[in-house]
Amino acid sequence: MNNGDIIIGKAIDTQRNANIQHCIKLNCQAVSGSELDNKECLVVLDDISSMQVCIDNPHIDFVEFG
């Protein structure tokens, strides 16, 4: 994240939040330093600085947004 937080989860869908921002909906496994949980969370796309794919994927493994 642009603020240094790390969010780990599985992408479920895209969705807009209450502020009409474009988000990715995740089944979150952990959120930077908090205890493990298993809830859905919305991450604003403009706040993402990079993404790393944690499963075998022949097309992408890491992308950095500028």
N, C-alpha and C. Protein backbone atom coordinates (compact mmCIF):
# COMPACT_ATOMS: atom_id res chain seq x y z
N MET A 1 0.84 -1.16 0.00
CA MET A 1 0.00 0.00 0.00
C MET A 1 0.90 1.24 0.00
N ASN A 2 0.35 2.34 -0.47
CA ASN A 2 1.11 3.58 -0.50
C ASN A 2 1.54 4.02 0.90
N ASN A 3 0.81 3.62 1.94
CA ASN A 3 1.15 4.01 3.30
C ASN A 3 2.07 2.99 3.99
N GLY A 4 2.49 1.94 3.29
CA GLY A 4 3.40 0.95 3.84
C GLY A 4 2.73 -0.29 4.39
N ASP A 5 1.42 -0.28 4.55
CA ASP A 5 0.70 -1.47 5.03
C ASP A 5 0.78 -2.59 4.00
N ILE A 6 0.71 -3.81 4.47
CA ILE A 6 0.69 -4.98 3.60
C ILE A 6 -0.62 -5.71 3.87
N ILE A 7 -1.34 -6.01 2.82
CA ILE A 7 -2.59 -6.75 2.92
C ILE A 7 -2.44 -8.04 2.14
N ILE A 8 -2.75 -9.16 2.78
CA ILE A 8 -2.64 -10.47 2.14
C ILE A 8 -4.04 -11.04 2.01
N GLY A 9 -4.38 -11.49 0.81
CA GLY A 9 -5.71 -12.06 0.63
C GLY A 9 -5.91 -12.57 -0.78
N LYS A 10 -7.09 -13.11 -0.99
CA LYS A 10 -7.47 -13.63 -2.29
C LYS A 10 -8.48 -12.69 -2.92
N ALA A 11 -8.21 -12.26 -4.15
CA ALA A 11 -9.13 -11.36 -4.86
C ALA A 11 -10.43 -12.08 -5.17
N ILE A 12 -11.53 -11.42 -4.87
CA ILE A 12 -12.85 -11.99 -5.11
C ILE A 12 -13.55 -11.28 -6.27
N ASP A 13 -13.47 -9.95 -6.28
CA ASP A 13 -14.24 -9.16 -7.25
C ASP A 13 -13.75 -7.72 -7.19
N THR A 14 -14.34 -6.88 -8.00
CA THR A 14 -14.16 -5.45 -7.89
C THR A 14 -15.47 -4.86 -7.42
N GLN A 15 -15.39 -3.70 -6.80
CA GLN A 15 -16.58 -3.08 -6.24
C GLN A 15 -16.26 -1.63 -5.91
N ARG A 16 -17.28 -0.80 -5.82
CA ARG A 16 -17.09 0.57 -5.36
C ARG A 16 -17.42 0.64 -3.87
N ASN A 17 -16.70 1.48 -3.15
CA ASN A 17 -16.98 1.64 -1.73
C ASN A 17 -18.02 2.75 -1.52
N ALA A 18 -18.27 3.12 -0.29
CA ALA A 18 -19.27 4.12 0.05
C ALA A 18 -18.92 5.50 -0.53
N ASN A 19 -17.63 5.73 -0.80
CA ASN A 19 -17.19 7.00 -1.39
C ASN A 19 -17.10 6.93 -2.91
N ILE A 20 -17.66 5.90 -3.50
CA ILE A 20 -17.70 5.66 -4.96
C ILE A 20 -16.31 5.47 -5.55
N GLN A 21 -15.34 5.01 -4.75
CA GLN A 21 -13.99 4.74 -5.24
C GLN A 21 -13.93 3.31 -5.75
N HIS A 22 -13.17 3.09 -6.81
CA HIS A 22 -12.98 1.74 -7.35
C HIS A 22 -12.10 0.95 -6.40
N CYS A 23 -12.54 -0.25 -6.04
CA CYS A 23 -11.82 -1.09 -5.09
C CYS A 23 -11.71 -2.51 -5.61
N ILE A 24 -10.77 -3.23 -5.02
CA ILE A 24 -10.70 -4.67 -5.23
C ILE A 24 -11.21 -5.30 -3.92
N LYS A 25 -12.09 -6.26 -4.05
CA LYS A 25 -12.65 -6.94 -2.89
C LYS A 25 -11.82 -8.18 -2.62
N LEU A 26 -11.31 -8.29 -1.40
CA LEU A 26 -10.44 -9.39 -1.03
C LEU A 26 -11.03 -10.21 0.11
N ASN A 27 -10.73 -11.49 0.11
CA ASN A 27 -10.94 -12.31 1.28
C ASN A 27 -9.62 -12.20 2.03
N CYS A 28 -9.57 -11.30 3.02
CA CYS A 28 -8.32 -10.96 3.71
C CYS A 28 -7.92 -12.04 4.68
N GLN A 29 -6.64 -12.40 4.64
CA GLN A 29 -6.08 -13.37 5.58
C GLN A 29 -5.32 -12.65 6.68
N ALA A 30 -4.73 -11.51 6.36
CA ALA A 30 -3.99 -10.74 7.35
C ALA A 30 -3.91 -9.30 6.88
N VAL A 31 -3.92 -8.40 7.81
CA VAL A 31 -3.75 -6.99 7.48
C VAL A 31 -2.64 -6.45 8.36
N SER A 32 -1.51 -6.14 7.75
CA SER A 32 -0.32 -5.57 8.37
C SER A 32 -0.28 -5.55 9.89
N GLY A 33 0.21 -6.61 10.46
CA GLY A 33 0.44 -6.63 11.89
C GLY A 33 -0.77 -6.99 12.75
N SER A 34 -1.96 -6.99 12.19
CA SER A 34 -3.12 -7.37 13.00
C SER A 34 -3.20 -8.89 13.06
N GLU A 35 -4.00 -9.40 13.96
CA GLU A 35 -4.11 -10.86 14.05
C GLU A 35 -4.78 -11.42 12.81
N LEU A 36 -4.53 -12.68 12.57
CA LEU A 36 -5.11 -13.34 11.41
C LEU A 36 -6.62 -13.35 11.52
N ASP A 37 -7.25 -13.02 10.44
CA ASP A 37 -8.70 -13.09 10.37
C ASP A 37 -9.07 -13.64 9.01
N ASN A 38 -10.29 -13.70 8.70
CA ASN A 38 -10.73 -14.22 7.41
C ASN A 38 -12.00 -13.49 7.03
N LYS A 39 -11.86 -12.22 6.70
CA LYS A 39 -13.01 -11.41 6.39
C LYS A 39 -12.83 -10.77 5.01
N GLU A 40 -13.92 -10.26 4.49
CA GLU A 40 -13.84 -9.54 3.22
C GLU A 40 -13.46 -8.09 3.50
N CYS A 41 -12.61 -7.55 2.65
CA CYS A 41 -12.24 -6.14 2.80
C CYS A 41 -12.15 -5.52 1.42
N LEU A 42 -12.37 -4.22 1.38
CA LEU A 42 -12.25 -3.46 0.15
C LEU A 42 -10.97 -2.65 0.20
N VAL A 43 -10.18 -2.72 -0.87
CA VAL A 43 -8.94 -1.98 -0.96
C VAL A 43 -9.07 -1.02 -2.14
N VAL A 44 -8.93 0.27 -1.88
CA VAL A 44 -9.03 1.28 -2.93
C VAL A 44 -7.87 1.09 -3.91
N LEU A 45 -8.20 0.97 -5.19
CA LEU A 45 -7.18 0.70 -6.21
C LEU A 45 -6.10 1.78 -6.25
N ASP A 46 -6.48 3.04 -6.05
CA ASP A 46 -5.51 4.14 -6.09
C ASP A 46 -4.51 4.08 -4.93
N ASP A 47 -4.81 3.31 -3.89
CA ASP A 47 -3.93 3.20 -2.73
C ASP A 47 -2.91 2.08 -2.85
N ILE A 48 -3.01 1.27 -3.90
CA ILE A 48 -2.12 0.11 -4.07
C ILE A 48 -0.83 0.55 -4.76
N SER A 49 0.32 0.24 -4.13
CA SER A 49 1.60 0.59 -4.74
C SER A 49 2.20 -0.59 -5.52
N SER A 50 1.90 -1.82 -5.07
CA SER A 50 2.39 -3.00 -5.78
C SER A 50 1.54 -4.20 -5.39
N MET A 51 1.61 -5.23 -6.23
CA MET A 51 0.93 -6.49 -5.95
C MET A 51 1.86 -7.64 -6.30
N GLN A 52 1.85 -8.66 -5.47
CA GLN A 52 2.62 -9.86 -5.73
C GLN A 52 1.66 -11.05 -5.75
N VAL A 53 1.76 -11.88 -6.77
CA VAL A 53 0.92 -13.06 -6.90
C VAL A 53 1.61 -14.19 -6.13
N CYS A 54 0.87 -14.84 -5.24
CA CYS A 54 1.46 -15.85 -4.36
C CYS A 54 1.13 -17.28 -4.79
N ILE A 55 0.55 -17.44 -5.97
CA ILE A 55 0.29 -18.76 -6.53
C ILE A 55 0.99 -18.83 -7.88
N ASP A 56 1.18 -20.04 -8.39
CA ASP A 56 1.81 -20.19 -9.70
C ASP A 56 0.93 -19.53 -10.76
N ASN A 57 1.52 -18.62 -11.50
CA ASN A 57 0.81 -17.91 -12.55
C ASN A 57 1.80 -17.62 -13.67
N PRO A 58 1.60 -18.15 -14.87
CA PRO A 58 2.57 -17.97 -15.95
C PRO A 58 2.56 -16.56 -16.54
N HIS A 59 1.58 -15.73 -16.18
CA HIS A 59 1.43 -14.41 -16.79
C HIS A 59 1.98 -13.28 -15.94
N ILE A 60 1.92 -13.43 -14.64
CA ILE A 60 2.33 -12.33 -13.77
C ILE A 60 2.76 -12.87 -12.42
N ASP A 61 3.75 -12.23 -11.81
CA ASP A 61 4.10 -12.58 -10.43
C ASP A 61 4.25 -11.34 -9.55
N PHE A 62 4.60 -10.21 -10.16
CA PHE A 62 4.75 -8.97 -9.40
C PHE A 62 4.47 -7.79 -10.32
N VAL A 63 3.78 -6.79 -9.82
CA VAL A 63 3.56 -5.56 -10.58
C VAL A 63 3.66 -4.39 -9.61
N GLU A 64 4.35 -3.34 -10.07
CA GLU A 64 4.50 -2.13 -9.27
C GLU A 64 3.77 -0.99 -9.99
N PHE A 65 2.97 -0.26 -9.25
CA PHE A 65 2.21 0.84 -9.83
C PHE A 65 2.93 2.15 -9.55
N GLY A 66 2.97 3.02 -10.53
CA GLY A 66 3.71 4.27 -10.37
C GLY A 66 2.83 5.40 -10.33
